[in-house]
Amino acid sequence: MVRRLPRSSTAWFVMALGGLLVVAGSSSAQDAALVRERQQTALESSRTIQVAPGATAPYALPAPEVTLQTTKDGSEATAVIGVSNPLWGFRTTFKTPIGKEADAEANPLSLAGLANQATVDFAFIRTRVFRDSSNIDNLRLAFCAERGIPDNKCSSEAVSGEAREQFLNYGIYRHPTIFAAHVQVGGKSFDFVERGETAKMTEKFTSVAGGASYGLLFLASQSVVSISVDAARDYTGSRDTTLLCQPIATNVAGTERCDTRTIGRPTATQKVTTMVDFRKVFTRQETVPAKPGAGGAAPTPSPIPVQSRPVVGLSVQLRIQAVKDADTVWSLDAPVYFLQKKPDQNKSVALNGGATAGWHSTSGFTARVFIGTAFELIGKGFNQ
């Protein structure tokens, strides 16, 4: 069987996008069919490979993937409907409050509109990672033939150095790009009293947000440079509250009922946020041991003899936020990830903690240690 690529620095980096590089094809129709048949098992096993956490569809196979997924996290329910292939993806995400009971049910959308605190997000993702060419298989097999490598061993493992980079570049771009755009609509309901009035009013408002992100990947250095712009119009309730007491009819004279009321209508907030982000991962090469043979049989070599493990993750983030009728705020943060989950908690030994230092225009210099935030080469703006 033709082997999959090892998790070398380049392969590990591409898998951050959910890609699994495999070799298929032949210089003749008969050989091509044979090689593709040998690839089928590897392709099927790669279907579970997905993009960074939170994304909804694998990029391992060229056929479009349809995703229907629901999750419940505490008091929030999420439903995702998406379709994607290696070049593009569409996704619709519903989020709504839900009760904590086991049989709780939520209705985020109805003919009356969005439920209170419910949101719906429409996203489009366009990737430029894999070359869209039907001649890739023939180019790779011709490449191997020039070096005397049999078709059934034609993979990136058969070559090294510059030759390996050339082999990989037949299938992927040296500088892949990823573009994402989204529009989000949310419903919010507020209870309040007008100033000078006592009657409670309930009104529903619709918040709108949208944005776009563009990332440029550097395979050789395992790094990403991205820029994102988001605009939002949201509503917040008044902070002015009072205790409103009114007499009620009881058998005790002077009985009153007192309720806390918000004074004043909600106010709209308009803001535009721009972020420039640089991310880089430092890895080390590890040899994958052979699988012990059963019943005294010889050990079976691992199909991926060498793989990369993340050691340190670096992110430098510049964030600028302009708010209507308020001061523009900005910040510069440089988190360094070096804490890892235990292997029994996460076999990928993901980086999920470290230290950060930065400067905020409102609070000055900041420094802290954090735990629990997983490092991802592809930031949240591309897969939220």
Protein backbone atom coordinates (compact mmCIF):
# COMPACT_ATOMS: atom_id res chain seq x y z
CA MET A 1 0.00 0.00 0.00
CA VAL A 2 1.25 3.47 -0.77
CA ARG A 3 2.14 5.16 2.48
CA ARG A 4 0.79 8.45 3.70
CA LEU A 5 3.18 11.31 4.24
CA PRO A 6 4.97 11.44 7.57
CA ARG A 7 4.05 14.21 9.95
CA SER A 8 7.12 16.17 9.04
CA SER A 9 7.20 19.92 9.47
CA THR A 10 5.47 20.53 6.14
CA ALA A 11 2.91 17.75 6.47
CA TRP A 12 2.08 18.68 10.07
CA PHE A 13 1.60 22.28 9.00
CA VAL A 14 -0.74 21.44 6.15
CA MET A 15 -2.76 19.18 8.47
CA ALA A 16 -3.54 22.29 10.47
CA LEU A 17 -5.86 23.07 7.57
CA GLY A 18 -7.28 19.58 7.63
CA GLY A 19 -5.35 18.36 4.60
CA LEU A 20 -3.74 14.93 4.36
CA LEU A 21 -1.22 14.69 1.54
CA VAL A 22 -1.22 11.38 -0.31
CA VAL A 23 0.20 10.23 -3.61
CA ALA A 24 -2.07 8.87 -6.29
CA GLY A 25 -1.99 8.41 -10.03
CA SER A 26 0.13 6.87 -12.75
CA SER A 27 1.70 7.58 -16.10
CA SER A 28 -0.81 5.28 -17.75
CA ALA A 29 -4.51 4.68 -17.23
CA GLN A 30 -3.91 1.14 -15.93
CA ASP A 31 -1.20 2.18 -13.48
CA ALA A 32 -3.24 5.17 -12.34
CA ALA A 33 -6.18 2.94 -11.49
CA LEU A 34 -3.91 0.58 -9.55
CA VAL A 35 -2.29 3.36 -7.53
CA ARG A 36 -5.62 5.02 -6.78
CA GLU A 37 -7.01 1.70 -5.58
CA ARG A 38 -4.08 1.37 -3.19
CA GLN A 39 -4.77 4.87 -1.96
CA GLN A 40 -8.38 4.21 -1.08
CA THR A 41 -7.70 2.76 2.36
CA ALA A 42 -5.50 5.72 3.30
CA LEU A 43 -8.10 8.14 2.02
CA GLU A 44 -10.89 6.49 3.96
CA SER A 45 -8.87 6.56 7.17
CA SER A 46 -8.15 10.25 6.60
CA ARG A 47 -11.82 11.21 6.59
CA THR A 48 -11.66 11.94 10.30
CA ILE A 49 -8.85 14.46 9.84
CA GLN A 50 -10.41 17.89 10.30
CA VAL A 51 -9.33 21.48 10.39
CA ALA A 52 -8.55 23.35 13.58
CA PRO A 53 -10.97 22.78 16.49
CA GLY A 54 -14.39 24.24 15.86
CA ALA A 55 -14.44 23.64 12.13
CA THR A 56 -17.04 21.33 10.70
CA ALA A 57 -15.80 19.40 7.70
CA PRO A 58 -12.70 17.44 6.66
CA TYR A 59 -10.61 18.39 3.66
CA ALA A 60 -9.19 14.92 3.07
CA LEU A 61 -11.38 13.95 0.12
CA PRO A 62 -12.21 15.95 -3.02
CA ALA A 63 -15.92 15.14 -2.85
CA PRO A 64 -18.06 17.72 -1.02
CA GLU A 65 -18.83 16.85 2.59
CA VAL A 66 -22.19 17.70 4.16
CA THR A 67 -22.18 18.35 7.91
CA LEU A 68 -25.17 18.24 10.28
CA GLN A 69 -24.06 18.66 13.87
CA THR A 70 -25.63 19.67 17.18
CA THR A 71 -23.96 20.19 20.54
CA LYS A 72 -25.03 21.34 24.00
CA ASP A 73 -22.61 23.08 26.32
CA GLY A 74 -24.16 24.01 29.63
CA SER A 75 -26.97 26.47 28.91
CA GLU A 76 -26.15 26.99 25.21
CA ALA A 77 -27.08 24.81 22.25
CA THR A 78 -25.36 24.94 18.87
CA ALA A 79 -26.46 23.55 15.51
CA VAL A 80 -24.18 23.53 12.46
CA ILE A 81 -25.20 22.88 8.87
CA GLY A 82 -22.36 22.95 6.35
CA VAL A 83 -20.97 21.71 3.07
CA SER A 84 -17.31 21.82 2.02
CA ASN A 85 -14.61 20.38 -0.19
CA PRO A 86 -10.84 21.00 -0.33
CA LEU A 87 -11.35 24.37 -2.07
CA TRP A 88 -14.35 25.99 -0.39
CA GLY A 89 -16.95 25.63 2.33
CA PHE A 90 -20.27 27.09 3.44
CA ARG A 91 -21.52 26.90 7.01
CA THR A 92 -24.61 28.04 8.91
CA THR A 93 -24.38 28.07 12.70
CA PHE A 94 -27.29 28.54 15.10
CA LYS A 95 -26.69 29.30 18.78
CA THR A 96 -29.41 29.67 21.38
CA PRO A 97 -29.91 29.42 25.14
CA ILE A 98 -31.26 26.09 26.37
CA GLY A 99 -32.32 24.67 29.71
CA LYS A 100 -29.99 22.37 31.64
CA GLU A 101 -32.54 19.57 31.83
CA ALA A 102 -31.69 16.40 29.92
CA ASP A 103 -34.77 16.74 27.72
CA ALA A 104 -34.56 20.52 27.29
CA GLU A 105 -35.50 21.85 23.86
CA ALA A 106 -34.60 25.10 22.13
CA ASN A 107 -36.19 26.92 19.18
CA PRO A 108 -33.67 29.44 17.88
CA LEU A 109 -35.71 30.39 14.80
CA SER A 110 -39.42 30.57 14.06
CA LEU A 111 -41.86 32.58 11.95
CA ALA A 112 -41.66 35.27 14.63
CA GLY A 113 -37.91 35.60 14.05
CA LEU A 114 -34.89 34.78 16.18
CA ALA A 115 -35.44 33.79 19.79
CA ASN A 116 -34.08 35.98 22.58
CA GLN A 117 -30.27 35.74 22.76
CA ALA A 118 -30.22 33.45 19.71
CA THR A 119 -27.83 34.04 16.80
CA VAL A 120 -27.38 32.68 13.30
CA ASP A 121 -24.06 32.97 11.49
CA PHE A 122 -23.51 32.43 7.75
CA ALA A 123 -19.88 31.76 6.81
CA PHE A 124 -17.96 31.17 3.59
CA ILE A 125 -14.41 29.78 3.55
CA ARG A 126 -12.15 29.65 0.48
CA THR A 127 -8.83 27.83 0.68
CA ARG A 128 -5.94 27.81 -1.77
CA VAL A 129 -3.93 24.90 -0.45
CA PHE A 130 -4.13 22.01 -2.92
CA ARG A 131 -3.40 22.57 -6.57
CA ASP A 132 -6.48 22.05 -8.73
CA SER A 133 -4.84 20.03 -11.48
CA SER A 134 -5.70 16.65 -12.96
CA ASN A 135 -2.06 16.17 -13.96
CA ILE A 136 -0.60 16.04 -10.44
CA ASP A 137 -0.58 12.24 -10.30
CA ASN A 138 1.29 11.90 -13.57
CA LEU A 139 3.82 14.56 -12.57
CA ARG A 140 4.59 12.80 -9.29
CA LEU A 141 4.95 9.37 -10.85
CA ALA A 142 7.18 10.78 -13.58
CA PHE A 143 9.21 12.45 -10.84
CA CYS A 144 9.66 9.08 -9.10
CA ALA A 145 10.43 7.30 -12.37
CA GLU A 146 13.32 9.71 -13.05
CA ARG A 147 14.82 8.65 -9.73
CA GLY A 148 14.18 4.94 -10.13
CA ILE A 149 11.45 4.81 -7.47
CA PRO A 150 8.72 2.18 -8.13
CA ASP A 151 5.16 3.42 -8.46
CA ASN A 152 4.03 1.55 -5.34
CA LYS A 153 6.66 3.38 -3.26
CA CYS A 154 6.17 6.80 -4.82
CA SER A 155 5.66 9.07 -1.82
CA SER A 156 7.36 11.95 -0.07
CA GLU A 157 9.07 9.41 2.19
CA ALA A 158 11.10 8.12 -0.74
CA VAL A 159 12.98 11.41 -1.19
CA SER A 160 14.43 14.08 1.05
CA GLY A 161 15.71 17.64 1.05
CA GLU A 162 14.95 19.79 -1.98
CA ALA A 163 13.65 16.78 -3.91
CA ARG A 164 11.01 16.22 -1.26
CA GLU A 165 9.96 19.87 -1.38
CA GLN A 166 9.64 19.61 -5.15
CA PHE A 167 7.53 16.47 -4.78
CA LEU A 168 5.19 18.17 -2.29
CA ASN A 169 4.88 21.30 -4.41
CA TYR A 170 3.26 19.26 -7.18
CA GLY A 171 0.22 18.92 -4.94
CA ILE A 172 0.20 22.01 -2.71
CA TYR A 173 1.09 25.66 -3.09
CA ARG A 174 4.27 26.87 -1.43
CA HIS A 175 2.31 29.71 0.14
CA PRO A 176 -1.28 28.55 0.66
CA THR A 177 -3.94 31.11 1.49
CA ILE A 178 -7.25 30.96 3.29
CA PHE A 179 -10.10 33.46 3.13
CA ALA A 180 -13.18 33.53 5.34
CA ALA A 181 -16.19 35.84 5.46
CA HIS A 182 -19.22 35.73 7.71
CA VAL A 183 -22.43 37.57 8.57
CA GLN A 184 -24.12 37.12 11.94
CA VAL A 185 -27.61 38.16 13.02
CA GLY A 186 -28.85 37.98 16.60
CA GLY A 187 -32.04 38.70 18.51
CA LYS A 188 -32.15 40.46 21.88
CA SER A 189 -35.15 41.27 24.03
CA PHE A 190 -35.06 43.94 26.76
CA ASP A 191 -37.41 44.87 29.59
CA PHE A 192 -37.31 48.51 30.72
CA VAL A 193 -39.34 51.53 31.77
CA GLU A 194 -39.18 54.92 30.13
CA ARG A 195 -37.86 57.71 32.32
CA GLY A 196 -40.70 59.21 34.33
CA GLU A 197 -42.97 56.23 33.63
CA THR A 198 -43.89 53.13 35.62
CA ALA A 199 -45.26 50.79 32.93
CA LYS A 200 -42.86 47.99 31.95
CA MET A 201 -42.05 47.79 28.26
CA THR A 202 -40.55 44.87 26.33
CA GLU A 203 -38.91 45.42 22.95
CA LYS A 204 -36.86 43.20 20.68
CA PHE A 205 -33.78 44.40 18.83
CA THR A 206 -31.69 42.80 16.09
CA SER A 207 -27.90 42.91 16.26
CA VAL A 208 -25.82 42.52 13.11
CA ALA A 209 -22.13 41.68 12.68
CA GLY A 210 -19.95 40.78 9.73
CA GLY A 211 -16.34 40.48 8.77
CA ALA A 212 -13.62 38.93 6.66
CA SER A 213 -10.25 37.30 7.34
CA TYR A 214 -7.31 36.55 5.06
CA GLY A 215 -4.35 34.37 5.96
CA LEU A 216 -1.06 33.69 4.18
CA LEU A 217 0.76 30.49 5.16
CA PHE A 218 4.51 29.89 4.96
CA LEU A 219 5.16 26.16 4.83
CA ALA A 220 8.92 26.28 5.18
CA SER A 221 8.83 28.30 8.40
CA GLN A 222 5.54 26.84 9.69
CA SER A 223 4.02 30.26 10.23
CA VAL A 224 0.90 32.24 9.35
CA VAL A 225 0.28 35.94 8.82
CA SER A 226 -3.36 37.00 8.85
CA ILE A 227 -5.50 40.12 8.93
CA SER A 228 -9.15 40.35 9.86
CA VAL A 229 -11.73 43.12 9.91
CA ASP A 230 -15.05 42.87 11.75
CA ALA A 231 -17.88 45.38 12.06
CA ALA A 232 -20.79 45.06 14.48
CA ARG A 233 -23.91 46.86 15.59
CA ASP A 234 -25.08 45.58 18.96
CA TYR A 235 -27.45 46.67 21.71
CA THR A 236 -26.83 46.91 25.45
CA GLY A 237 -29.29 47.54 28.23
CA SER A 238 -29.19 50.64 30.38
CA ARG A 239 -27.16 50.41 33.58
CA ASP A 240 -29.55 52.72 35.40
CA THR A 241 -31.87 50.67 37.63
CA THR A 242 -34.35 51.43 40.36
CA LEU A 243 -36.61 49.63 42.80
CA LEU A 244 -40.17 50.38 41.74
CA CYS A 245 -42.81 49.73 44.43
CA GLN A 246 -46.55 49.68 43.81
CA PRO A 247 -49.41 49.01 46.25
CA ILE A 248 -51.27 45.73 45.92
CA ALA A 249 -54.63 44.68 47.33
CA THR A 250 -54.24 42.38 50.35
CA ASN A 251 -55.79 41.96 53.77
CA VAL A 252 -52.91 44.03 55.17
CA ALA A 253 -53.18 47.73 54.54
CA GLY A 254 -50.19 49.39 52.89
CA THR A 255 -48.81 46.22 51.26
CA GLU A 256 -46.54 46.95 48.31
CA ARG A 257 -44.80 44.90 45.66
CA CYS A 258 -41.31 46.06 44.71
CA ASP A 259 -39.53 45.07 41.47
CA THR A 260 -36.19 46.06 40.06
CA ARG A 261 -36.62 47.96 36.81
CA THR A 262 -34.15 49.12 34.19
CA ILE A 263 -34.63 52.79 33.40
CA GLY A 264 -34.20 53.85 29.80
CA ARG A 265 -34.16 52.20 26.41
CA PRO A 266 -31.24 50.02 25.21
CA THR A 267 -28.50 51.84 23.35
CA ALA A 268 -26.88 50.83 20.08
CA THR A 269 -23.11 50.37 19.86
CA GLN A 270 -21.25 50.41 16.56
CA LYS A 271 -17.66 49.25 16.37
CA VAL A 272 -15.04 48.13 13.86
CA THR A 273 -12.24 45.81 14.96
CA THR A 274 -9.06 45.15 12.97
CA MET A 275 -6.54 42.50 13.95
CA VAL A 276 -3.15 41.59 12.50
CA ASP A 277 -1.83 38.26 13.73
CA PHE A 278 1.46 36.40 13.25
CA ARG A 279 1.67 32.77 14.41
CA LYS A 280 4.52 30.32 14.33
CA VAL A 281 5.02 26.82 15.68
CA PHE A 282 8.35 25.25 16.61
CA THR A 283 8.44 21.47 16.41
CA ARG A 284 10.76 18.55 17.08
CA GLN A 285 11.08 15.34 15.09
CA GLU A 286 10.16 12.10 16.86
CA THR A 287 10.61 8.54 15.63
CA VAL A 288 7.47 6.43 15.79
CA PRO A 289 8.32 2.98 17.17
CA ALA A 290 7.31 -0.18 15.32
CA LYS A 291 4.19 -2.02 16.45
CA PRO A 292 5.07 -5.23 18.33
CA GLY A 293 4.17 -8.37 16.41
CA ALA A 294 1.56 -10.78 17.73
CA GLY A 295 2.50 -14.36 18.62
CA GLY A 296 6.20 -13.88 18.15
CA ALA A 297 5.85 -12.24 14.72
CA ALA A 298 8.26 -9.55 13.65
CA PRO A 299 7.37 -5.96 14.60
CA THR A 300 5.42 -3.97 12.01
CA PRO A 301 7.10 -0.68 11.04
CA SER A 302 4.91 2.36 11.51
CA PRO A 303 3.45 3.70 8.24
CA ILE A 304 4.53 7.13 9.51
CA PRO A 305 8.08 6.53 10.79
CA VAL A 306 8.77 10.14 11.75
CA GLN A 307 6.38 12.78 12.99
CA SER A 308 6.59 16.32 14.30
CA ARG A 309 5.52 17.35 17.77
CA PRO A 310 4.76 20.98 18.64
CA VAL A 311 7.15 22.32 21.27
CA VAL A 312 6.54 26.07 21.36
CA GLY A 313 3.84 28.19 19.76
CA LEU A 314 4.25 31.95 19.27
CA SER A 315 1.58 34.52 18.43
CA VAL A 316 1.98 38.29 18.03
CA GLN A 317 -1.38 40.08 17.85
CA LEU A 318 -2.10 43.73 17.09
CA ARG A 319 -5.73 44.70 17.75
CA ILE A 320 -7.36 48.06 17.00
CA GLN A 321 -10.99 48.76 17.83
CA ALA A 322 -12.84 51.93 16.82
CA VAL A 323 -16.14 52.55 18.62
CA LYS A 324 -18.63 55.22 17.52
CA ASP A 325 -18.74 58.17 19.93
CA ALA A 326 -15.90 56.67 22.00
CA ASP A 327 -12.11 56.54 22.04
CA THR A 328 -10.27 54.09 19.78
CA VAL A 329 -8.50 51.39 21.78
CA TRP A 330 -5.60 49.22 20.71
CA SER A 331 -3.49 46.45 22.14
CA LEU A 332 -0.38 44.45 21.33
CA ASP A 333 -0.04 40.96 22.83
CA ALA A 334 2.60 38.26 22.42
CA PRO A 335 1.46 34.96 23.97
CA VAL A 336 3.99 32.11 24.03
CA TYR A 337 2.56 28.59 24.34
CA PHE A 338 4.76 25.97 26.00
CA LEU A 339 2.47 24.06 28.40
CA GLN A 340 1.08 20.78 27.08
CA LYS A 341 -1.76 18.48 27.97
CA LYS A 342 -0.73 15.05 29.18
CA PRO A 343 -0.60 12.43 26.42
CA ASP A 344 -3.42 10.47 28.11
CA GLN A 345 -5.60 13.60 27.87
CA ASN A 346 -4.75 14.44 24.31
CA LYS A 347 -2.69 12.14 22.10
CA SER A 348 -1.67 15.07 19.92
CA VAL A 349 0.02 16.70 22.94
CA ALA A 350 -1.57 20.02 22.07
CA LEU A 351 -0.08 23.22 23.44
CA ASN A 352 -2.69 24.71 25.76
CA GLY A 353 -0.97 27.15 28.08
CA GLY A 354 1.92 29.54 28.53
CA ALA A 355 2.64 33.16 29.29
CA THR A 356 1.85 36.43 27.59
CA ALA A 357 2.92 40.05 27.82
CA GLY A 358 1.60 43.08 26.03
CA TRP A 359 0.48 46.68 26.05
CA HIS A 360 -3.10 47.98 26.14
CA SER A 361 -4.00 51.59 25.49
CA THR A 362 -6.42 51.62 28.43
CA SER A 363 -4.48 49.63 31.05
CA GLY A 364 -0.84 49.91 30.02
CA PHE A 365 1.61 47.00 30.35
CA THR A 366 0.11 43.59 31.11
CA ALA A 367 1.57 40.15 31.83
CA ARG A 368 -0.11 36.92 32.83
CA VAL A 369 0.09 33.13 32.75
CA PHE A 370 -2.75 31.27 31.05
CA ILE A 371 -3.90 27.65 30.94
CA GLY A 372 -6.60 26.05 28.82
CA THR A 373 -6.41 28.01 25.59
CA ALA A 374 -5.20 25.68 22.82
CA PHE A 375 -2.70 26.98 20.28
CA GLU A 376 -3.94 26.89 16.70
CA LEU A 377 -2.03 27.99 13.62
CA ILE A 378 -5.33 28.83 11.99
CA GLY A 379 -6.99 31.39 14.23
CA LYS A 380 -10.57 31.56 15.38
CA GLY A 381 -11.56 34.04 12.69
CA PHE A 382 -11.29 31.32 10.04
CA ASN A 383 -13.37 28.65 11.74
CA GLN A 384 -15.71 30.25 14.24
